[in-house]
């Protein structure tokens, strides 16, 4: 199991800083101007993979990945001028498909090789 929480706090006196958080780049006109000062994004990825021919062993594996992003404009929520918070959590799970395939480079980019469930 891999769980990696990160917390980043930033404060600046520059009035040119954006006043609301976002975790990725937006195309022009894509941002909803009614978005509040707190952003929560949850992304789940699940993969079913199988080695059906060749390799070391024939077997199937299920891999999963959970990403959680929380961002907050601390000026709007707490009154801390120019401050923002960014929290990122990552959880990966699943038995290795690479052990069945016998590859040098991982078959899946979310594989950790450690099964927790």
N, C-alpha and C. Protein backbone atom coordinates (compact mmCIF):
# COMPACT_ATOMS: atom_id res chain seq x y z
N UNK A 1 0.85 -1.17 0.00
CA UNK A 1 0.00 0.00 0.00
C UNK A 1 0.89 1.23 0.00
N UNK A 2 0.53 2.19 -0.83
CA UNK A 2 1.27 3.43 -0.88
C UNK A 2 0.30 4.57 -0.63
N UNK A 3 0.49 5.28 0.48
CA UNK A 3 -0.31 6.45 0.78
C UNK A 3 0.66 7.61 0.96
N UNK A 4 0.45 8.66 0.18
CA UNK A 4 1.38 9.78 0.20
C UNK A 4 0.62 11.09 0.31
N UNK A 5 0.41 11.60 1.53
CA UNK A 5 -0.26 12.89 1.66
C UNK A 5 0.77 14.02 1.64
N UNK A 6 0.43 15.10 1.00
CA UNK A 6 1.30 16.25 0.95
C UNK A 6 0.49 17.48 1.28
N UNK A 7 1.08 18.42 1.99
CA UNK A 7 0.42 19.67 2.32
C UNK A 7 1.35 20.80 1.96
N UNK A 8 0.84 21.77 1.23
CA UNK A 8 1.64 22.91 0.82
C UNK A 8 0.87 24.17 1.19
N UNK A 9 1.48 25.04 1.96
CA UNK A 9 0.89 26.33 2.30
C UNK A 9 1.76 27.41 1.68
N UNK A 10 1.14 28.41 1.10
CA UNK A 10 1.89 29.49 0.49
C UNK A 10 1.22 30.81 0.84
N UNK A 11 2.03 31.79 1.15
CA UNK A 11 1.51 33.13 1.42
C UNK A 11 2.38 34.12 0.68
N UNK A 12 1.75 35.14 0.11
CA UNK A 12 2.50 36.16 -0.62
C UNK A 12 1.77 37.48 -0.50
N UNK A 13 2.52 38.56 -0.64
CA UNK A 13 1.94 39.89 -0.57
C UNK A 13 1.55 40.40 -1.95
N UNK A 14 1.81 39.65 -2.98
CA UNK A 14 1.54 40.06 -4.36
C UNK A 14 0.04 40.02 -4.64
N UNK A 15 -0.56 41.17 -4.97
CA UNK A 15 -1.99 41.22 -5.26
C UNK A 15 -2.33 40.63 -6.62
N UNK A 16 -1.32 40.30 -7.43
CA UNK A 16 -1.57 39.73 -8.76
C UNK A 16 -1.82 38.22 -8.70
N UNK A 17 -1.70 37.61 -7.52
CA UNK A 17 -1.92 36.17 -7.40
C UNK A 17 -3.39 35.83 -7.63
N UNK A 18 -3.68 34.66 -8.22
CA UNK A 18 -5.07 34.27 -8.40
C UNK A 18 -5.76 34.14 -7.05
N UNK A 19 -7.04 34.43 -7.00
CA UNK A 19 -7.77 34.44 -5.75
C UNK A 19 -8.57 33.18 -5.51
N UNK A 20 -8.54 32.21 -6.39
CA UNK A 20 -9.22 30.96 -6.12
C UNK A 20 -8.37 29.81 -6.61
N UNK A 21 -8.40 28.69 -5.90
CA UNK A 21 -7.53 27.58 -6.23
C UNK A 21 -8.03 26.78 -7.43
N UNK A 22 -7.11 26.12 -8.07
CA UNK A 22 -7.43 25.11 -9.07
C UNK A 22 -6.21 24.23 -9.26
N UNK A 23 -6.44 22.96 -9.55
CA UNK A 23 -5.35 22.00 -9.55
C UNK A 23 -4.81 21.68 -10.92
N UNK A 24 -5.38 22.26 -11.96
CA UNK A 24 -4.87 21.98 -13.30
C UNK A 24 -5.11 23.17 -14.21
N UNK A 25 -4.52 23.13 -15.38
CA UNK A 25 -4.64 24.22 -16.34
C UNK A 25 -5.99 24.16 -17.04
N UNK A 26 -6.61 25.30 -17.20
CA UNK A 26 -7.91 25.37 -17.86
C UNK A 26 -7.77 26.07 -19.21
N UNK A 27 -8.59 25.65 -20.16
CA UNK A 27 -8.67 26.35 -21.44
C UNK A 27 -9.41 27.66 -21.23
N UNK A 28 -9.21 28.60 -22.12
CA UNK A 28 -9.87 29.91 -22.01
C UNK A 28 -11.38 29.73 -21.96
N UNK A 29 -12.03 30.37 -20.99
CA UNK A 29 -13.47 30.31 -20.86
C UNK A 29 -14.00 29.05 -20.18
N UNK A 30 -13.11 28.15 -19.76
CA UNK A 30 -13.54 26.88 -19.17
C UNK A 30 -13.84 26.99 -17.67
N UNK A 31 -13.26 27.97 -17.01
CA UNK A 31 -13.39 28.10 -15.56
C UNK A 31 -14.77 28.63 -15.19
N UNK A 32 -15.42 27.98 -14.25
CA UNK A 32 -16.70 28.42 -13.74
C UNK A 32 -16.44 29.53 -12.72
N UNK A 33 -16.85 30.74 -13.04
CA UNK A 33 -16.58 31.90 -12.18
C UNK A 33 -17.33 31.83 -10.85
N UNK A 34 -18.31 30.94 -10.72
CA UNK A 34 -19.05 30.83 -9.47
C UNK A 34 -18.40 29.85 -8.50
N UNK A 35 -17.26 29.25 -8.90
CA UNK A 35 -16.56 28.30 -8.03
C UNK A 35 -16.17 28.98 -6.73
N UNK A 36 -16.37 28.29 -5.64
CA UNK A 36 -16.05 28.85 -4.33
C UNK A 36 -14.56 28.79 -4.03
N UNK A 37 -14.18 29.16 -2.81
CA UNK A 37 -12.78 29.22 -2.43
C UNK A 37 -12.15 27.87 -2.10
N UNK A 38 -12.93 26.78 -2.15
CA UNK A 38 -12.41 25.45 -1.85
C UNK A 38 -12.69 24.53 -3.02
N UNK A 39 -11.68 23.76 -3.41
CA UNK A 39 -11.81 22.82 -4.51
C UNK A 39 -11.46 21.43 -4.02
N UNK A 40 -12.32 20.45 -4.30
CA UNK A 40 -12.05 19.05 -3.97
C UNK A 40 -12.21 18.23 -5.24
N UNK A 41 -11.16 17.49 -5.61
CA UNK A 41 -11.20 16.62 -6.77
C UNK A 41 -10.81 15.21 -6.34
N UNK A 42 -11.60 14.23 -6.76
CA UNK A 42 -11.31 12.83 -6.47
C UNK A 42 -11.31 12.09 -7.80
N UNK A 43 -10.22 11.36 -8.07
CA UNK A 43 -10.09 10.60 -9.31
C UNK A 43 -9.73 9.17 -8.97
N UNK A 44 -10.51 8.22 -9.50
CA UNK A 44 -10.25 6.80 -9.28
C UNK A 44 -9.96 6.14 -10.62
N UNK A 45 -8.91 5.34 -10.66
CA UNK A 45 -8.56 4.57 -11.85
C UNK A 45 -8.47 3.11 -11.46
N UNK A 46 -9.16 2.26 -12.18
CA UNK A 46 -9.08 0.82 -11.97
C UNK A 46 -8.68 0.14 -13.27
N UNK A 47 -7.78 -0.83 -13.20
CA UNK A 47 -7.31 -1.53 -14.38
C UNK A 47 -7.39 -3.04 -14.16
N UNK A 48 -7.87 -3.74 -15.15
CA UNK A 48 -7.81 -5.20 -15.16
C UNK A 48 -6.88 -5.57 -16.29
N UNK A 49 -5.82 -6.30 -15.96
CA UNK A 49 -4.83 -6.72 -16.96
C UNK A 49 -4.60 -8.21 -16.83
N UNK A 50 -4.27 -8.83 -17.94
CA UNK A 50 -4.00 -10.27 -17.92
C UNK A 50 -2.87 -10.60 -18.88
N UNK A 51 -2.06 -11.54 -18.51
CA UNK A 51 -1.05 -12.10 -19.40
C UNK A 51 -1.67 -13.39 -19.95
N UNK A 52 -2.08 -13.36 -21.21
CA UNK A 52 -2.79 -14.49 -21.80
C UNK A 52 -1.89 -15.38 -22.65
N UNK A 53 -0.69 -14.92 -23.00
CA UNK A 53 0.24 -15.74 -23.78
C UNK A 53 1.66 -15.23 -23.55
N UNK A 54 2.62 -16.13 -23.53
CA UNK A 54 4.01 -15.75 -23.31
C UNK A 54 4.26 -15.35 -21.87
N UNK A 55 5.34 -14.65 -21.68
CA UNK A 55 5.68 -14.19 -20.33
C UNK A 55 6.06 -15.32 -19.41
N UNK A 56 5.99 -15.07 -18.10
CA UNK A 56 6.37 -16.06 -17.10
C UNK A 56 5.20 -16.90 -16.61
N UNK A 57 4.05 -16.27 -16.39
CA UNK A 57 2.86 -16.96 -15.86
C UNK A 57 1.62 -16.37 -16.51
N UNK A 58 0.62 -17.19 -16.70
CA UNK A 58 -0.67 -16.68 -17.16
C UNK A 58 -1.51 -16.36 -15.94
N UNK A 59 -1.87 -15.09 -15.82
CA UNK A 59 -2.72 -14.67 -14.71
C UNK A 59 -3.25 -13.27 -14.96
N UNK A 60 -4.29 -12.94 -14.24
CA UNK A 60 -4.92 -11.61 -14.35
C UNK A 60 -4.70 -10.85 -13.04
N UNK A 61 -4.69 -9.54 -13.15
CA UNK A 61 -4.50 -8.68 -11.99
C UNK A 61 -5.42 -7.48 -12.07
N UNK A 62 -5.84 -6.99 -10.91
CA UNK A 62 -6.60 -5.75 -10.81
C UNK A 62 -5.75 -4.74 -10.07
N UNK A 63 -5.57 -3.58 -10.66
CA UNK A 63 -4.79 -2.51 -10.04
C UNK A 63 -5.71 -1.31 -9.86
N UNK A 64 -5.53 -0.56 -8.78
CA UNK A 64 -6.30 0.65 -8.63
C UNK A 64 -5.47 1.78 -8.07
N UNK A 65 -5.96 2.99 -8.35
CA UNK A 65 -5.26 4.22 -8.00
C UNK A 65 -6.31 5.25 -7.60
N UNK A 66 -6.11 5.91 -6.47
CA UNK A 66 -7.02 6.94 -5.99
C UNK A 66 -6.21 8.21 -5.75
N UNK A 67 -6.61 9.29 -6.39
CA UNK A 67 -5.98 10.60 -6.20
C UNK A 67 -7.02 11.54 -5.59
N UNK A 68 -6.62 12.26 -4.54
CA UNK A 68 -7.50 13.24 -3.92
C UNK A 68 -6.74 14.57 -3.84
N UNK A 69 -7.36 15.62 -4.35
CA UNK A 69 -6.77 16.96 -4.31
C UNK A 69 -7.73 17.88 -3.58
N UNK A 70 -7.22 18.61 -2.61
CA UNK A 70 -7.99 19.62 -1.89
C UNK A 70 -7.19 20.91 -1.94
N UNK A 71 -7.79 21.96 -2.47
CA UNK A 71 -7.14 23.25 -2.52
C UNK A 71 -8.07 24.28 -1.90
N UNK A 72 -7.49 25.24 -1.21
CA UNK A 72 -8.30 26.26 -0.55
C UNK A 72 -7.62 27.62 -0.63
N UNK A 73 -8.42 28.62 -0.89
CA UNK A 73 -7.98 30.01 -0.83
C UNK A 73 -8.14 30.42 0.63
N UNK A 74 -7.02 30.47 1.36
CA UNK A 74 -7.08 30.75 2.80
C UNK A 74 -7.41 32.20 3.11
N UNK A 75 -7.25 33.07 2.13
CA UNK A 75 -7.67 34.45 2.34
C UNK A 75 -9.20 34.53 2.39
N UNK A 76 -9.86 33.82 1.49
CA UNK A 76 -11.31 33.84 1.46
C UNK A 76 -11.93 33.06 2.61
N UNK A 77 -11.26 31.98 3.04
CA UNK A 77 -11.84 31.15 4.10
C UNK A 77 -11.42 31.56 5.50
N UNK A 78 -10.17 32.01 5.67
CA UNK A 78 -9.67 32.33 7.01
C UNK A 78 -9.20 33.79 7.17
N UNK A 79 -9.16 34.53 6.05
CA UNK A 79 -8.68 35.91 6.13
C UNK A 79 -7.18 36.05 6.09
N UNK A 80 -6.44 34.99 5.78
CA UNK A 80 -4.98 35.02 5.72
C UNK A 80 -4.59 35.55 4.34
N UNK A 81 -4.17 36.79 4.27
CA UNK A 81 -3.93 37.49 3.01
C UNK A 81 -2.90 36.78 2.13
N UNK A 82 -3.32 36.44 0.90
CA UNK A 82 -2.42 35.85 -0.09
C UNK A 82 -2.08 34.39 0.15
N UNK A 83 -2.71 33.73 1.12
CA UNK A 83 -2.35 32.35 1.46
C UNK A 83 -3.26 31.36 0.75
N UNK A 84 -2.66 30.25 0.34
CA UNK A 84 -3.39 29.15 -0.28
C UNK A 84 -2.89 27.84 0.32
N UNK A 85 -3.74 26.82 0.34
CA UNK A 85 -3.35 25.49 0.81
C UNK A 85 -3.60 24.50 -0.32
N UNK A 86 -2.71 23.52 -0.40
CA UNK A 86 -2.84 22.45 -1.39
C UNK A 86 -2.54 21.13 -0.69
N UNK A 87 -3.50 20.20 -0.69
CA UNK A 87 -3.31 18.89 -0.08
C UNK A 87 -3.52 17.84 -1.17
N UNK A 88 -2.58 16.91 -1.29
CA UNK A 88 -2.67 15.86 -2.30
C UNK A 88 -2.49 14.51 -1.62
N UNK A 89 -3.40 13.60 -1.88
CA UNK A 89 -3.30 12.24 -1.34
C UNK A 89 -3.29 11.23 -2.49
N UNK A 90 -2.50 10.19 -2.35
CA UNK A 90 -2.37 9.16 -3.38
C UNK A 90 -2.42 7.79 -2.73
N UNK A 91 -3.25 6.90 -3.30
CA UNK A 91 -3.35 5.53 -2.82
C UNK A 91 -3.28 4.60 -4.03
N UNK A 92 -2.36 3.66 -4.01
CA UNK A 92 -2.23 2.64 -5.06
C UNK A 92 -2.33 1.27 -4.42
N UNK A 93 -2.93 0.32 -5.16
CA UNK A 93 -3.09 -1.03 -4.65
C UNK A 93 -3.13 -2.01 -5.81
N UNK A 94 -2.76 -3.23 -5.55
CA UNK A 94 -2.87 -4.28 -6.55
C UNK A 94 -1.61 -5.13 -6.62
N UNK A 95 -1.81 -6.41 -6.92
CA UNK A 95 -0.68 -7.31 -7.10
C UNK A 95 -0.01 -7.02 -8.43
N UNK A 96 1.26 -7.36 -8.54
CA UNK A 96 2.05 -7.03 -9.72
C UNK A 96 1.66 -7.86 -10.94
N UNK A 97 1.37 -7.18 -12.04
CA UNK A 97 1.21 -7.86 -13.32
C UNK A 97 2.58 -8.08 -13.96
N UNK A 98 3.53 -7.25 -13.60
CA UNK A 98 4.89 -7.37 -14.15
C UNK A 98 5.54 -8.68 -13.75
N UNK A 99 5.19 -9.22 -12.57
CA UNK A 99 5.75 -10.50 -12.15
C UNK A 99 5.28 -11.64 -13.05
N UNK A 100 4.10 -11.51 -13.62
CA UNK A 100 3.59 -12.54 -14.53
C UNK A 100 4.15 -12.36 -15.94
N UNK A 101 4.32 -11.12 -16.35
CA UNK A 101 4.79 -10.83 -17.70
C UNK A 101 6.30 -11.04 -17.80
N UNK A 102 7.04 -10.66 -16.76
CA UNK A 102 8.50 -10.77 -16.79
C UNK A 102 9.14 -9.61 -17.52
N UNK A 103 8.52 -8.43 -17.44
CA UNK A 103 9.03 -7.27 -18.17
C UNK A 103 10.17 -6.58 -17.42
N UNK A 104 10.87 -5.72 -18.13
CA UNK A 104 11.92 -4.92 -17.54
C UNK A 104 11.34 -3.58 -17.09
N UNK A 105 10.39 -3.09 -17.86
CA UNK A 105 9.72 -1.83 -17.56
C UNK A 105 8.27 -2.15 -17.22
N UNK A 106 7.72 -1.52 -16.18
CA UNK A 106 6.38 -1.85 -15.69
C UNK A 106 5.31 -1.76 -16.78
N UNK A 107 4.40 -2.72 -16.79
CA UNK A 107 3.29 -2.75 -17.74
C UNK A 107 2.32 -1.60 -17.47
N UNK A 108 2.07 -1.30 -16.20
CA UNK A 108 1.14 -0.25 -15.82
C UNK A 108 1.86 0.82 -15.01
N UNK A 109 1.50 2.08 -15.26
CA UNK A 109 2.15 3.15 -14.50
C UNK A 109 1.56 3.33 -13.12
N UNK A 110 0.50 2.58 -12.75
CA UNK A 110 -0.03 2.68 -11.38
C UNK A 110 0.36 1.46 -10.55
N UNK A 111 1.15 0.56 -11.10
CA UNK A 111 1.56 -0.63 -10.37
C UNK A 111 2.56 -0.31 -9.27
N UNK A 112 2.32 -0.84 -8.08
CA UNK A 112 3.27 -0.69 -6.98
C UNK A 112 3.90 -2.02 -6.60
N UNK A 113 3.25 -3.12 -6.98
CA UNK A 113 3.78 -4.43 -6.62
C UNK A 113 3.44 -4.84 -5.21
N UNK A 114 2.63 -4.04 -4.50
CA UNK A 114 2.25 -4.35 -3.13
C UNK A 114 0.73 -4.43 -3.06
N UNK A 115 0.21 -5.58 -2.66
CA UNK A 115 -1.22 -5.75 -2.54
C UNK A 115 -1.62 -5.55 -1.08
N UNK A 116 -2.61 -4.68 -0.82
CA UNK A 116 -2.99 -4.39 0.56
C UNK A 116 -4.32 -5.00 0.95
N UNK A 117 -5.10 -5.44 -0.02
CA UNK A 117 -6.41 -5.99 0.30
C UNK A 117 -6.44 -7.47 -0.05
